[in-house]
Amino acid sequence: MYGKVCQIWNRLSQRANRDFIVLFGDDILLLDNGWKRNIEECFTAIQSNNPDLPFGAACVAFNDISFRGFPTFPVIHRFHMKVFGRLLPKQFVNQGGDPFLFELYSRFNASKFASVKLKNTLGGDSSARYSKHEINWKGQVLRLSIEILTERIKTLNQVNVAPTGVCLDIVIPSYRTNNSVILKRIINLRSTLRAYVKFWIVVDNPDKEHLHEVKGLAEEANKSTFKDNNYFVNVVHYNENRGASYARNTGYNYSTADWVIFLDDDIVPEPHLLEAYIGSIFRYPLAKVMVGMTELPEPMNNWTRMLKTSNVMFFFGISKHYIHPPWGVTANIMVKGSRYNHSVQFKHLYPKTGGGEDIDFIFQMKSFHKLDGCVVGVPGATVMHPWWNNSNVCYNQIWGWANGDSQLITEWPGKTYLTLPNWVESMALLGITYLFFLRKALYLIPLLQTCTCIALVDHLIKTFAYYGSAANALPTKKPTFAFAHILFLAFGASTVISAQEVTRLLCIFKRHSLFSFGRRVDWCDGQAQTEILNQKLRSGLLFFVYCSLAYYFFQMRV
């Protein structure tokens, strides 16, 4: 039995003949007098707040100062032994028993930290005297235990008591330095609705000063807010930069919550963010993904006006346009916890800085759950996202998105459609034709003339299409040369879209994916079939124009 602490606890608890059972180790120091009375008062308070629960259907944990926020050494009532016949499921060896009990009763709003303190001199968050044996209890083991407890409460009290406790974690990948003000605002989020909330700051930066700063922030928050009882900040780090997808997976898989909110470390959340998301849980019980509202500041210079004109950030605010959005950005989104869909993870093939991984993740969630309308927009869950690169020109961001987006074509071929080549693909076809079939100096000049005209035609059409949006992006006070300014913004917006198109083509060549040539991702995932038809018709018309230009210039040389 050496090292099989959970099995030892099971045997001892079955022999116990008392109302309350506490799981102590032989290496703890009790720091407060009257701890028994305090524990009993906690059980009474839980029952008074949940009159439909029988007395004892609860779990109260000590405040372990050596491992704050973790429910070490929980206390349970003999009611638990009556329901389950044992303290812990037989799968447990020596790890996970205490958080399991706390998580089980938190689904019924019946878990609580006592104010009395103790100190664990060995083990805890550090090394133990035996080899630690972890099991994955947060999936089926927890689910079955919740079902058993629900059914037993119904039998005893003749009342249908659903596990309505909200267990919600917030995962924040943190790479940016000197952003403690924003992180502090995120971890100070609170809700007037009762919920069990843990924050997971995953430090994806090997900078030691940054790690020290984040840990200090978490320690300060945990000391000052422990009276809130249901909020705690965890810091995870691995001393290197592995990218946004890895960081999000780390927090996602550490979490035992039913719901996980992903927030970026540069967003500023509205104070009511948690209430908006918690409310949506009850309004949409079948939902698996909740897409929040990610706003950007008003444009402040020509570059930000070009971005607004191009509408490249449309999906940041998708929740105000769709009740059931096709997907949403991971700067602000809530999804079912990994214990419900452990095989759904952020894929590491996407760029470290992000791009495409959010779409892929939600496509995975849809495929896993196979439910219509499982993605829901929550426009009330609002955050403010800053302009990239301090509002300065940042084509690198545009290229990164396009690089990730291009991966979706091969990852999700069923969510793509074929069009005729666009302007840059048409130029690539001309270049390939010249290299392999013509390769004569006679045809070089018409090749260059055709490519130049194709690029000009495409950008003229885009500039004309963006003219109205560019006019709306101007400040209220119109400049003297408004027409020229509008044309400049419209043309700049066309270069933003063109940068994406060029990048996607280069990525296709880099991956030698002939299948991806001429293919487009259905960003609306079947919800905008008319737009797809329009896109196909436009591509056919433009390709005819490009072919006509090529015929004209090459015919002149024949």
Protein backbone atom coordinates (compact mmCIF):
# COMPACT_ATOMS: atom_id res chain seq x y z
CA MET A 1 0.00 0.00 0.00
CA TYR A 2 3.04 2.31 0.06
CA GLY A 3 2.34 5.45 -1.93
CA LYS A 4 -1.32 4.49 -2.53
CA VAL A 5 -2.65 7.31 -0.41
CA CYS A 6 -6.12 7.38 -1.98
CA GLN A 7 -6.64 3.69 -1.31
CA ILE A 8 -5.52 4.16 2.29
CA TRP A 9 -7.98 7.04 2.67
CA ASN A 10 -10.74 4.85 1.23
CA ARG A 11 -10.13 2.13 3.79
CA LEU A 12 -9.89 4.53 6.72
CA SER A 13 -13.03 6.41 5.72
CA GLN A 14 -15.02 3.18 5.49
CA ARG A 15 -14.05 2.42 9.08
CA ALA A 16 -14.84 5.94 10.33
CA ASN A 17 -18.07 6.40 12.26
CA ARG A 18 -18.37 10.19 12.44
CA ASP A 19 -20.39 12.90 10.73
CA PHE A 20 -17.38 14.58 9.12
CA ILE A 21 -14.26 13.16 7.51
CA VAL A 22 -11.17 15.21 6.68
CA LEU A 23 -8.32 13.94 4.54
CA PHE A 24 -5.21 14.93 6.52
CA GLY A 25 -1.65 13.92 5.89
CA ASP A 26 0.86 13.25 8.68
CA ASP A 27 2.89 16.31 7.70
CA ILE A 28 0.43 19.18 8.16
CA LEU A 29 0.36 21.98 10.71
CA LEU A 30 -3.03 23.36 11.82
CA LEU A 31 -2.62 27.11 12.26
CA ASP A 32 -5.99 28.18 13.70
CA ASN A 33 -7.94 27.23 16.78
CA GLY A 34 -11.64 26.46 16.46
CA TRP A 35 -11.22 24.92 13.04
CA LYS A 36 -13.85 22.24 13.70
CA ARG A 37 -16.50 24.85 14.49
CA ASN A 38 -15.56 26.85 11.38
CA ILE A 39 -15.89 23.79 9.15
CA GLU A 40 -19.33 22.94 10.56
CA GLU A 41 -20.45 26.55 10.02
CA CYS A 42 -19.37 26.29 6.38
CA PHE A 43 -21.50 23.18 5.87
CA THR A 44 -24.46 24.93 7.49
CA ALA A 45 -23.98 27.99 5.26
CA ILE A 46 -23.86 25.84 2.14
CA GLN A 47 -27.08 24.06 3.06
CA SER A 48 -28.88 27.32 3.86
CA ASN A 49 -27.91 28.70 0.45
CA ASN A 50 -29.02 25.47 -1.25
CA PRO A 51 -32.19 24.35 0.56
CA ASP A 52 -32.91 21.65 -2.04
CA LEU A 53 -29.70 19.85 -1.07
CA PRO A 54 -29.64 17.53 1.94
CA PHE A 55 -27.34 18.60 4.76
CA GLY A 56 -23.87 17.22 4.12
CA ALA A 57 -24.04 17.31 0.33
CA ALA A 58 -20.98 19.56 0.27
CA CYS A 59 -17.21 19.77 0.36
CA VAL A 60 -15.24 22.26 2.46
CA ALA A 61 -11.51 22.69 1.99
CA PHE A 62 -8.91 24.19 4.31
CA ASN A 63 -6.98 27.31 3.31
CA ASP A 64 -3.60 25.70 2.68
CA ILE A 65 -1.07 28.55 2.80
CA SER A 66 1.57 26.37 1.16
CA PHE A 67 -0.66 25.80 -1.90
CA ARG A 68 -3.16 28.64 -1.98
CA GLY A 69 -6.29 28.17 -4.00
CA PHE A 70 -5.91 24.41 -4.23
CA PRO A 71 -8.49 22.37 -2.25
CA THR A 72 -6.02 20.23 -0.32
CA PHE A 73 -7.38 18.34 2.66
CA PRO A 74 -11.11 18.58 1.92
CA VAL A 75 -13.76 17.79 4.50
CA ILE A 76 -16.82 15.73 3.54
CA HIS A 77 -19.90 14.55 5.40
CA ARG A 78 -21.01 10.96 5.96
CA PHE A 79 -23.74 11.73 3.39
CA HIS A 80 -21.02 11.26 0.77
CA MET A 81 -20.16 7.80 2.09
CA LYS A 82 -23.85 6.91 2.10
CA VAL A 83 -24.18 7.87 -1.58
CA PHE A 84 -20.97 6.36 -2.98
CA GLY A 85 -20.00 3.71 -0.40
CA ARG A 86 -16.43 4.94 -0.58
CA LEU A 87 -14.51 8.18 -0.34
CA LEU A 88 -13.01 8.17 -3.84
CA PRO A 89 -13.55 6.12 -6.98
CA LYS A 90 -11.25 3.11 -7.08
CA GLN A 91 -9.26 4.52 -10.02
CA PHE A 92 -7.44 7.00 -7.77
CA VAL A 93 -3.96 6.05 -6.51
CA ASN A 94 -2.29 9.02 -4.81
CA GLN A 95 -3.14 12.15 -6.83
CA GLY A 96 -6.27 14.08 -7.68
CA GLY A 97 -8.58 12.94 -4.89
CA ASP A 98 -8.92 16.28 -3.12
CA PRO A 99 -9.61 18.41 -6.23
CA PHE A 100 -11.99 15.72 -7.49
CA LEU A 101 -14.19 16.02 -4.40
CA PHE A 102 -14.17 19.80 -4.56
CA GLU A 103 -15.03 19.80 -8.28
CA LEU A 104 -17.80 17.24 -7.76
CA TYR A 105 -19.71 19.37 -5.25
CA SER A 106 -18.94 22.65 -7.00
CA ARG A 107 -21.33 21.48 -9.77
CA PHE A 108 -24.06 21.89 -7.13
CA ASN A 109 -22.74 25.19 -5.73
CA ALA A 110 -21.75 23.22 -2.64
CA SER A 111 -17.96 23.60 -2.47
CA LYS A 112 -16.31 26.19 -0.28
CA PHE A 113 -12.96 27.18 1.20
CA ALA A 114 -12.95 27.62 4.96
CA SER A 115 -11.20 30.58 6.53
CA VAL A 116 -9.12 28.36 8.81
CA LYS A 117 -5.55 27.80 7.66
CA LEU A 118 -3.08 24.97 7.66
CA LYS A 119 0.37 24.37 6.20
CA ASN A 120 1.49 21.30 4.29
CA THR A 121 5.15 20.83 5.13
CA LEU A 122 5.75 18.16 2.46
CA GLY A 123 4.10 17.37 -0.86
CA GLY A 124 1.50 19.85 -2.05
CA ASP A 125 2.72 21.73 -5.08
CA SER A 126 6.27 20.44 -4.57
CA SER A 127 7.76 16.96 -4.49
CA ALA A 128 6.23 14.16 -2.44
CA ARG A 129 7.75 11.23 -0.60
CA TYR A 130 6.44 8.81 -3.21
CA SER A 131 6.06 8.63 -6.96
CA LYS A 132 3.03 10.64 -8.03
CA HIS A 133 0.46 8.74 -10.07
CA GLU A 134 -1.96 10.96 -11.99
CA ILE A 135 -5.20 9.76 -13.56
CA ASN A 136 -7.55 11.56 -15.93
CA TRP A 137 -10.50 11.95 -13.59
CA LYS A 138 -12.02 15.13 -15.03
CA GLY A 139 -13.79 13.28 -17.86
CA GLN A 140 -15.87 10.16 -17.39
CA VAL A 141 -15.02 9.61 -13.71
CA LEU A 142 -16.33 13.05 -12.76
CA ARG A 143 -19.32 12.82 -15.11
CA LEU A 144 -20.50 9.50 -13.68
CA SER A 145 -20.07 10.73 -10.12
CA ILE A 146 -22.16 13.83 -10.88
CA GLU A 147 -24.90 11.60 -12.33
CA ILE A 148 -24.88 9.31 -9.28
CA LEU A 149 -25.03 12.25 -6.88
CA THR A 150 -27.84 13.92 -8.85
CA GLU A 151 -29.94 10.77 -8.86
CA ARG A 152 -29.37 10.10 -5.15
CA ILE A 153 -30.34 13.64 -4.14
CA LYS A 154 -33.49 13.30 -6.24
CA THR A 155 -34.34 10.02 -4.48
CA LEU A 156 -33.73 11.36 -0.98
CA ASN A 157 -35.39 14.77 -1.30
CA GLN A 158 -37.97 13.98 -3.97
CA VAL A 159 -36.75 17.09 -5.76
CA ASN A 160 -35.12 17.40 -9.17
CA VAL A 161 -31.81 19.08 -8.41
CA ALA A 162 -29.76 19.74 -11.52
CA PRO A 163 -26.02 20.41 -11.25
CA THR A 164 -26.32 24.14 -12.02
CA GLY A 165 -23.05 25.25 -10.45
CA VAL A 166 -20.96 27.23 -12.93
CA CYS A 167 -17.32 26.13 -13.12
CA LEU A 168 -15.50 28.44 -15.49
CA ASP A 169 -11.79 28.96 -16.17
CA ILE A 170 -10.05 31.75 -18.04
CA VAL A 171 -6.91 30.95 -20.06
CA ILE A 172 -4.57 33.80 -20.97
CA PRO A 173 -1.46 33.03 -23.09
CA SER A 174 1.09 35.64 -22.06
CA TYR A 175 4.02 36.52 -24.30
CA ARG A 176 3.98 40.33 -24.19
CA THR A 177 6.13 41.99 -21.53
CA ASN A 178 5.31 45.11 -19.52
CA ASN A 179 1.57 44.52 -19.70
CA SER A 180 0.83 43.94 -16.01
CA VAL A 181 -1.86 46.64 -16.03
CA ILE A 182 -3.92 44.69 -18.59
CA LEU A 183 -3.30 41.33 -16.91
CA LYS A 184 -4.36 42.80 -13.59
CA ARG A 185 -7.61 44.01 -15.09
CA ILE A 186 -8.29 40.55 -16.53
CA ILE A 187 -7.65 38.63 -13.30
CA ASN A 188 -9.80 41.09 -11.36
CA LEU A 189 -12.88 40.15 -13.39
CA ARG A 190 -15.77 39.22 -11.12
CA SER A 191 -19.40 38.24 -11.51
CA THR A 192 -22.42 38.99 -9.35
CA LEU A 193 -23.62 35.51 -10.36
CA ARG A 194 -22.09 32.72 -8.30
CA ALA A 195 -19.35 30.87 -10.16
CA TYR A 196 -16.13 28.97 -9.50
CA VAL A 197 -13.46 30.72 -11.53
CA LYS A 198 -9.77 29.97 -12.00
CA PHE A 199 -7.43 32.05 -14.12
CA TRP A 200 -4.61 30.29 -15.96
CA ILE A 201 -1.87 32.66 -17.11
CA VAL A 202 0.36 30.58 -19.39
CA VAL A 203 3.69 32.40 -19.73
CA ASP A 204 4.95 31.67 -23.24
CA ASN A 205 8.09 33.76 -22.92
CA PRO A 206 11.47 32.65 -21.51
CA ASP A 207 12.13 36.17 -20.16
CA LYS A 208 12.72 35.66 -16.41
CA GLU A 209 11.76 39.20 -15.48
CA HIS A 210 8.43 38.78 -17.22
CA LEU A 211 7.80 35.49 -15.41
CA HIS A 212 8.71 37.05 -12.06
CA GLU A 213 6.38 39.97 -12.74
CA VAL A 214 3.46 37.69 -13.64
CA LYS A 215 4.00 35.46 -10.61
CA GLY A 216 4.10 38.52 -8.36
CA LEU A 217 0.87 39.74 -9.90
CA ALA A 218 -0.82 36.38 -9.28
CA GLU A 219 0.45 36.13 -5.70
CA GLU A 220 -0.79 39.62 -4.90
CA ALA A 221 -4.19 38.88 -6.44
CA ASN A 222 -4.57 35.60 -4.56
CA LYS A 223 -3.73 37.17 -1.21
CA SER A 224 -6.07 40.10 -1.63
CA THR A 225 -9.00 38.25 -3.22
CA PHE A 226 -9.01 34.94 -1.35
CA LYS A 227 -12.01 36.21 0.60
CA ASP A 228 -13.95 35.95 -2.70
CA ASN A 229 -13.54 32.22 -2.10
CA ASN A 230 -14.27 31.20 -5.68
CA TYR A 231 -11.53 33.02 -7.62
CA PHE A 232 -7.90 32.02 -7.96
CA VAL A 233 -5.00 32.82 -10.28
CA ASN A 234 -2.59 30.10 -11.50
CA VAL A 235 0.65 30.70 -13.40
CA VAL A 236 2.07 28.04 -15.74
CA HIS A 237 5.39 28.39 -17.57
CA TYR A 238 7.85 26.23 -19.48
CA ASN A 239 10.79 28.62 -20.04
CA GLU A 240 10.48 28.96 -23.82
CA ASN A 241 8.32 30.39 -26.58
CA ARG A 242 6.20 27.63 -28.09
CA GLY A 243 3.48 29.78 -29.61
CA ALA A 244 -0.13 30.75 -28.95
CA SER A 245 -1.58 27.32 -29.80
CA TYR A 246 0.67 25.46 -27.36
CA ALA A 247 0.00 27.99 -24.61
CA ARG A 248 -3.77 27.78 -25.06
CA ASN A 249 -3.68 23.97 -25.07
CA THR A 250 -1.65 24.02 -21.85
CA GLY A 251 -4.21 26.09 -19.98
CA TYR A 252 -7.11 24.26 -21.62
CA ASN A 253 -5.84 20.86 -20.52
CA TYR A 254 -4.93 22.01 -16.99
CA SER A 255 -8.49 23.22 -16.53
CA THR A 256 -11.11 20.98 -14.94
CA ALA A 257 -13.93 23.47 -15.55
CA ASP A 258 -17.05 22.94 -17.64
CA TRP A 259 -16.34 26.12 -19.61
CA VAL A 260 -13.11 27.83 -20.61
CA ILE A 261 -12.79 31.44 -21.76
CA PHE A 262 -9.80 32.28 -23.97
CA LEU A 263 -8.58 35.87 -23.70
CA ASP A 264 -5.51 37.44 -25.28
CA ASP A 265 -3.05 39.24 -23.02
CA ASP A 266 -3.50 42.58 -24.82
CA ILE A 267 -7.29 42.94 -24.61
CA VAL A 268 -9.16 45.10 -22.10
CA PRO A 269 -12.34 43.32 -20.93
CA GLU A 270 -15.53 45.08 -19.94
CA PRO A 271 -16.36 44.53 -16.23
CA HIS A 272 -19.53 42.57 -17.05
CA LEU A 273 -17.76 40.03 -19.30
CA LEU A 274 -18.23 37.07 -16.93
CA GLU A 275 -21.90 37.82 -16.33
CA ALA A 276 -22.55 37.97 -20.08
CA TYR A 277 -20.90 34.60 -20.65
CA ILE A 278 -22.51 32.95 -17.59
CA GLY A 279 -25.92 34.19 -18.69
CA SER A 280 -25.38 32.67 -22.13
CA ILE A 281 -24.69 29.26 -20.53
CA PHE A 282 -28.23 29.18 -19.19
CA ARG A 283 -29.83 30.74 -22.29
CA TYR A 284 -28.19 28.27 -24.68
CA PRO A 285 -27.83 24.93 -22.83
CA LEU A 286 -26.89 23.04 -26.01
CA ALA A 287 -24.15 25.46 -27.10
CA LYS A 288 -20.52 24.37 -27.15
CA VAL A 289 -18.85 27.61 -28.30
CA MET A 290 -19.74 31.16 -27.25
CA VAL A 291 -18.29 33.92 -29.42
CA GLY A 292 -17.78 37.23 -27.64
CA MET A 293 -17.60 40.73 -29.08
CA THR A 294 -14.09 41.98 -29.81
CA GLU A 295 -14.09 45.69 -30.59
CA LEU A 296 -11.27 47.84 -31.93
CA PRO A 297 -10.73 51.54 -31.21
CA GLU A 298 -11.80 54.18 -33.68
CA PRO A 299 -9.26 54.54 -36.52
CA MET A 300 -6.64 57.12 -35.63
CA ASN A 301 -4.42 57.33 -38.73
CA ASN A 302 -4.33 56.33 -42.37
CA TRP A 303 -3.19 52.76 -41.69
CA THR A 304 -5.99 51.98 -39.23
CA ARG A 305 -8.49 53.59 -41.61
CA MET A 306 -7.21 51.30 -44.37
CA LEU A 307 -7.74 48.27 -42.13
CA LYS A 308 -11.27 49.39 -41.31
CA THR A 309 -12.00 50.06 -44.99
CA SER A 310 -10.76 46.63 -46.06
CA ASN A 311 -13.09 45.00 -43.46
CA VAL A 312 -10.33 42.51 -42.69
CA MET A 313 -11.38 42.54 -39.02
CA PHE A 314 -15.01 41.60 -39.75
CA PHE A 315 -14.90 38.42 -37.67
CA PHE A 316 -13.71 40.30 -34.58
CA GLY A 317 -17.25 41.65 -34.31
CA ILE A 318 -19.07 38.69 -35.85
CA SER A 319 -21.27 38.14 -32.78
CA LYS A 320 -23.31 41.27 -33.51
CA HIS A 321 -24.07 40.06 -37.05
CA TYR A 322 -24.91 36.37 -36.47
CA ILE A 323 -26.89 34.59 -33.75
CA HIS A 324 -24.90 31.48 -34.69
CA PRO A 325 -21.53 32.71 -36.01
CA PRO A 326 -19.48 30.32 -38.14
CA TRP A 327 -16.46 30.98 -35.88
CA GLY A 328 -14.86 33.68 -33.77
CA VAL A 329 -11.42 34.95 -32.84
CA THR A 330 -9.67 33.47 -29.80
CA ALA A 331 -8.99 36.94 -28.40
CA ASN A 332 -12.39 36.56 -26.72
CA ILE A 333 -14.24 33.27 -26.89
CA MET A 334 -15.70 30.66 -24.52
CA VAL A 335 -15.77 26.92 -25.26
CA LYS A 336 -16.75 23.72 -23.52
CA GLY A 337 -13.98 22.46 -21.25
CA SER A 338 -11.52 19.86 -22.44
CA ARG A 339 -13.14 17.24 -20.20
CA TYR A 340 -16.05 17.15 -22.67
CA ASN A 341 -13.99 17.05 -25.86
CA HIS A 342 -10.40 16.14 -24.97
CA SER A 343 -9.45 15.32 -28.56
CA VAL A 344 -10.16 18.89 -29.71
CA GLN A 345 -6.94 20.88 -29.45
CA PHE A 346 -5.27 23.86 -31.08
CA LYS A 347 -3.00 22.49 -33.80
CA HIS A 348 0.67 23.41 -33.81
CA LEU A 349 0.93 23.61 -37.60
CA TYR A 350 -0.41 27.18 -37.53
CA PRO A 351 1.89 30.20 -36.99
CA LYS A 352 3.12 30.81 -33.44
CA THR A 353 1.72 34.33 -33.48
CA GLY A 354 -1.72 33.11 -34.57
CA GLY A 355 -3.68 32.85 -37.77
CA GLY A 356 -6.11 30.10 -38.75
CA GLU A 357 -5.90 28.17 -35.47
CA ASP A 358 -9.08 29.76 -34.11
CA ILE A 359 -11.10 28.77 -37.21
CA ASP A 360 -9.65 25.25 -37.14
CA PHE A 361 -10.44 24.83 -33.44
CA ILE A 362 -14.10 25.78 -33.85
CA PHE A 363 -14.42 23.61 -36.95
CA GLN A 364 -13.12 20.75 -34.77
CA MET A 365 -15.70 21.53 -32.08
CA LYS A 366 -18.50 21.46 -34.65
CA SER A 367 -17.25 18.19 -36.09
CA PHE A 368 -16.87 16.60 -32.64
CA HIS A 369 -20.30 17.53 -31.26
CA LYS A 370 -22.24 17.37 -34.55
CA LEU A 371 -24.93 19.80 -33.35
CA ASP A 372 -26.59 22.50 -35.43
CA GLY A 373 -26.29 25.87 -33.79
CA CYS A 374 -23.64 24.77 -31.30
CA VAL A 375 -21.79 28.07 -31.87
CA VAL A 376 -23.59 31.08 -30.37
CA GLY A 377 -22.81 34.80 -30.46
CA VAL A 378 -22.65 36.69 -27.17
CA PRO A 379 -22.34 40.37 -28.14
CA GLY A 380 -22.64 41.41 -24.48
CA ALA A 381 -19.29 39.74 -23.66
CA THR A 382 -17.19 42.65 -24.86
CA VAL A 383 -13.46 43.31 -24.91
CA MET A 384 -11.43 46.08 -26.48
CA HIS A 385 -8.57 44.94 -28.73
CA PRO A 386 -5.78 47.41 -29.53
CA TRP A 387 -4.51 48.18 -33.03
CA TRP A 388 -1.51 46.09 -33.91
CA ASN A 389 2.03 47.54 -33.86
CA ASN A 390 0.81 50.61 -31.96
CA SER A 391 -1.36 51.61 -34.93
CA ASN A 392 1.64 51.69 -37.29
CA VAL A 393 1.83 49.86 -40.62
CA CYS A 394 1.99 46.12 -39.94
CA TYR A 395 1.76 44.02 -43.08
CA ASN A 396 3.52 41.30 -41.06
CA GLN A 397 0.29 40.76 -39.14
CA ILE A 398 -1.66 40.47 -42.40
CA TRP A 399 0.86 38.01 -43.83
CA GLY A 400 0.75 35.91 -40.64
CA TRP A 401 -3.04 35.61 -40.82
CA ALA A 402 -2.91 34.63 -44.50
CA ASN A 403 -0.20 32.06 -43.81
CA GLY A 404 -2.40 30.37 -41.23
CA ASP A 405 -5.57 30.71 -43.31
CA SER A 406 -3.93 28.92 -46.23
CA GLN A 407 -3.45 25.83 -44.03
CA LEU A 408 -7.20 25.51 -43.67
CA ILE A 409 -7.59 24.54 -47.32
CA THR A 410 -5.83 21.22 -46.82
CA GLU A 411 -6.99 20.72 -43.21
CA TRP A 412 -10.67 21.25 -44.08
CA PRO A 413 -11.10 20.63 -47.84
CA GLY A 414 -14.84 20.08 -47.37
CA LYS A 415 -15.19 23.68 -46.22
CA THR A 416 -13.63 25.16 -49.37
CA TYR A 417 -14.85 25.96 -52.86
CA LEU A 418 -13.15 26.35 -56.23
CA THR A 419 -13.03 29.57 -58.25
CA LEU A 420 -11.13 30.64 -61.34
CA PRO A 421 -7.67 32.10 -60.62
CA ASN A 422 -7.49 35.56 -59.07
CA TRP A 423 -5.06 38.26 -60.25
CA VAL A 424 -1.91 36.88 -58.58
CA GLU A 425 -2.73 33.28 -59.52
CA SER A 426 -3.30 34.39 -63.13
CA MET A 427 0.10 36.08 -63.13
CA ALA A 428 1.63 32.91 -61.70
CA LEU A 429 0.04 30.84 -64.50
CA LEU A 430 1.47 33.23 -67.08
CA GLY A 431 4.90 33.00 -65.49
CA ILE A 432 4.80 29.20 -65.44
CA THR A 433 3.64 29.12 -69.07
CA TYR A 434 6.51 31.37 -70.10
CA LEU A 435 9.14 29.36 -68.21
CA PHE A 436 8.06 25.95 -69.49
CA PHE A 437 6.64 26.60 -72.97
CA LEU A 438 7.66 29.94 -74.38
CA ARG A 439 10.98 30.98 -72.88
CA LYS A 440 11.80 33.41 -75.64
CA ALA A 441 12.94 37.00 -75.25
CA LEU A 442 10.25 37.92 -77.77
CA TYR A 443 7.53 37.08 -75.24
CA LEU A 444 9.12 38.64 -72.14
CA ILE A 445 7.84 42.16 -72.82
CA PRO A 446 4.20 41.12 -73.42
CA LEU A 447 4.43 38.94 -70.29
CA LEU A 448 5.49 41.95 -68.21
CA GLN A 449 2.87 44.16 -69.88
CA THR A 450 0.11 41.63 -69.20
CA CYS A 451 1.10 41.12 -65.56
CA THR A 452 1.28 44.88 -65.00
CA CYS A 453 -2.15 45.42 -66.50
CA ILE A 454 -3.67 42.53 -64.55
CA ALA A 455 -2.36 44.00 -61.28
CA LEU A 456 -3.61 47.47 -62.23
CA VAL A 457 -7.07 46.24 -63.21
CA ASP A 458 -7.43 44.26 -60.00
CA HIS A 459 -6.40 47.14 -57.78
CA LEU A 460 -8.53 49.64 -59.69
CA ILE A 461 -11.58 47.41 -59.18
CA LYS A 462 -10.79 46.97 -55.48
CA THR A 463 -10.18 50.70 -55.05
CA PHE A 464 -13.53 51.49 -56.66
CA ALA A 465 -15.25 48.86 -54.48
CA TYR A 466 -13.74 50.30 -51.29
CA TYR A 467 -14.40 53.95 -52.14
CA GLY A 468 -17.64 54.16 -50.14
CA SER A 469 -16.15 52.45 -47.08
CA ALA A 470 -13.07 54.69 -47.28
CA ALA A 471 -15.29 57.79 -47.29
CA ASN A 472 -17.01 56.55 -44.12
CA ALA A 473 -13.64 55.90 -42.47
CA LEU A 474 -12.59 59.56 -42.76
CA PRO A 475 -12.80 61.82 -39.70
CA THR A 476 -16.02 63.76 -39.25
CA LYS A 477 -14.22 66.92 -40.32
CA LYS A 478 -13.45 66.27 -44.01
CA PRO A 479 -9.97 67.29 -45.19
CA THR A 480 -9.52 69.81 -47.95
CA PHE A 481 -8.50 67.21 -50.49
CA ALA A 482 -11.11 64.66 -49.45
CA PHE A 483 -11.42 62.95 -52.86
CA ALA A 484 -7.68 62.26 -53.08
CA HIS A 485 -7.61 61.12 -49.46
CA ILE A 486 -10.50 58.71 -50.02
CA LEU A 487 -8.81 57.25 -53.10
CA PHE A 488 -5.60 56.84 -51.10
CA LEU A 489 -7.42 54.96 -48.31
CA ALA A 490 -9.35 52.81 -50.79
CA PHE A 491 -6.15 51.89 -52.63
CA GLY A 492 -4.40 51.14 -49.32
CA ALA A 493 -7.27 48.85 -48.35
CA SER A 494 -6.86 47.03 -51.66
CA THR A 495 -3.19 46.39 -50.83
CA VAL A 496 -4.21 44.80 -47.51
CA ILE A 497 -6.36 42.24 -49.33
CA SER A 498 -3.73 41.79 -52.03
CA ALA A 499 -1.09 41.10 -49.37
CA GLN A 500 -3.24 38.23 -48.14
CA GLU A 501 -3.76 36.86 -51.65
CA VAL A 502 -0.05 36.97 -52.46
CA THR A 503 0.86 35.32 -49.15
CA ARG A 504 -1.64 32.50 -49.64
CA LEU A 505 -0.24 31.76 -53.11
CA LEU A 506 3.35 31.73 -51.81
CA CYS A 507 2.31 29.32 -49.04
CA ILE A 508 0.65 27.06 -51.61
CA PHE A 509 3.89 26.91 -53.61
CA LYS A 510 5.91 26.38 -50.45
CA ARG A 511 3.77 23.38 -49.50
CA HIS A 512 3.58 22.06 -53.07
CA SER A 513 -0.21 21.87 -52.75
CA LEU A 514 -1.63 21.90 -56.26
CA PHE A 515 -5.02 21.06 -54.74
CA SER A 516 -5.10 24.46 -53.00
CA PHE A 517 -4.63 26.45 -56.21
CA GLY A 518 -7.78 28.44 -56.93
CA ARG A 519 -9.49 27.21 -53.75
CA ARG A 520 -11.03 29.55 -51.19
CA VAL A 521 -12.11 28.88 -47.60
CA ASP A 522 -15.81 29.27 -46.93
CA TRP A 523 -15.38 31.69 -44.03
CA CYS A 524 -19.10 31.56 -43.24
CA ASP A 525 -19.17 27.74 -43.19
CA GLY A 526 -22.24 27.32 -45.38
CA GLN A 527 -24.15 30.34 -44.10
CA ALA A 528 -23.47 32.61 -47.11
CA GLN A 529 -24.08 30.54 -50.26
CA THR A 530 -25.14 33.61 -52.25
CA GLU A 531 -21.82 35.28 -51.54
CA ILE A 532 -19.96 32.17 -52.72
CA LEU A 533 -21.94 32.21 -55.97
CA ASN A 534 -21.13 35.91 -56.43
CA GLN A 535 -17.47 35.20 -55.76
CA LYS A 536 -17.42 32.48 -58.41
CA LEU A 537 -19.16 34.71 -60.96
CA ARG A 538 -16.79 37.62 -60.24
CA SER A 539 -13.77 35.36 -60.54
CA GLY A 540 -15.03 34.10 -63.92
CA LEU A 541 -15.58 37.62 -65.24
CA LEU A 542 -12.20 38.86 -64.03
CA PHE A 543 -10.39 35.81 -65.39
CA PHE A 544 -11.97 36.50 -68.78
CA VAL A 545 -10.58 40.06 -68.57
CA TYR A 546 -7.12 38.74 -67.64
CA CYS A 547 -7.17 36.27 -70.55
CA SER A 548 -8.24 39.06 -72.90
CA LEU A 549 -5.32 41.21 -71.76
CA ALA A 550 -2.90 38.34 -72.28
CA TYR A 551 -4.31 37.65 -75.74
CA TYR A 552 -4.05 41.33 -76.68
CA PHE A 553 -0.41 41.81 -75.66
CA PHE A 554 0.86 38.47 -76.94
CA GLN A 555 -1.07 38.80 -80.21
CA MET A 556 0.75 42.06 -80.85
CA ARG A 557 4.08 40.18 -80.88
CA VAL A 558 2.98 37.43 -83.22
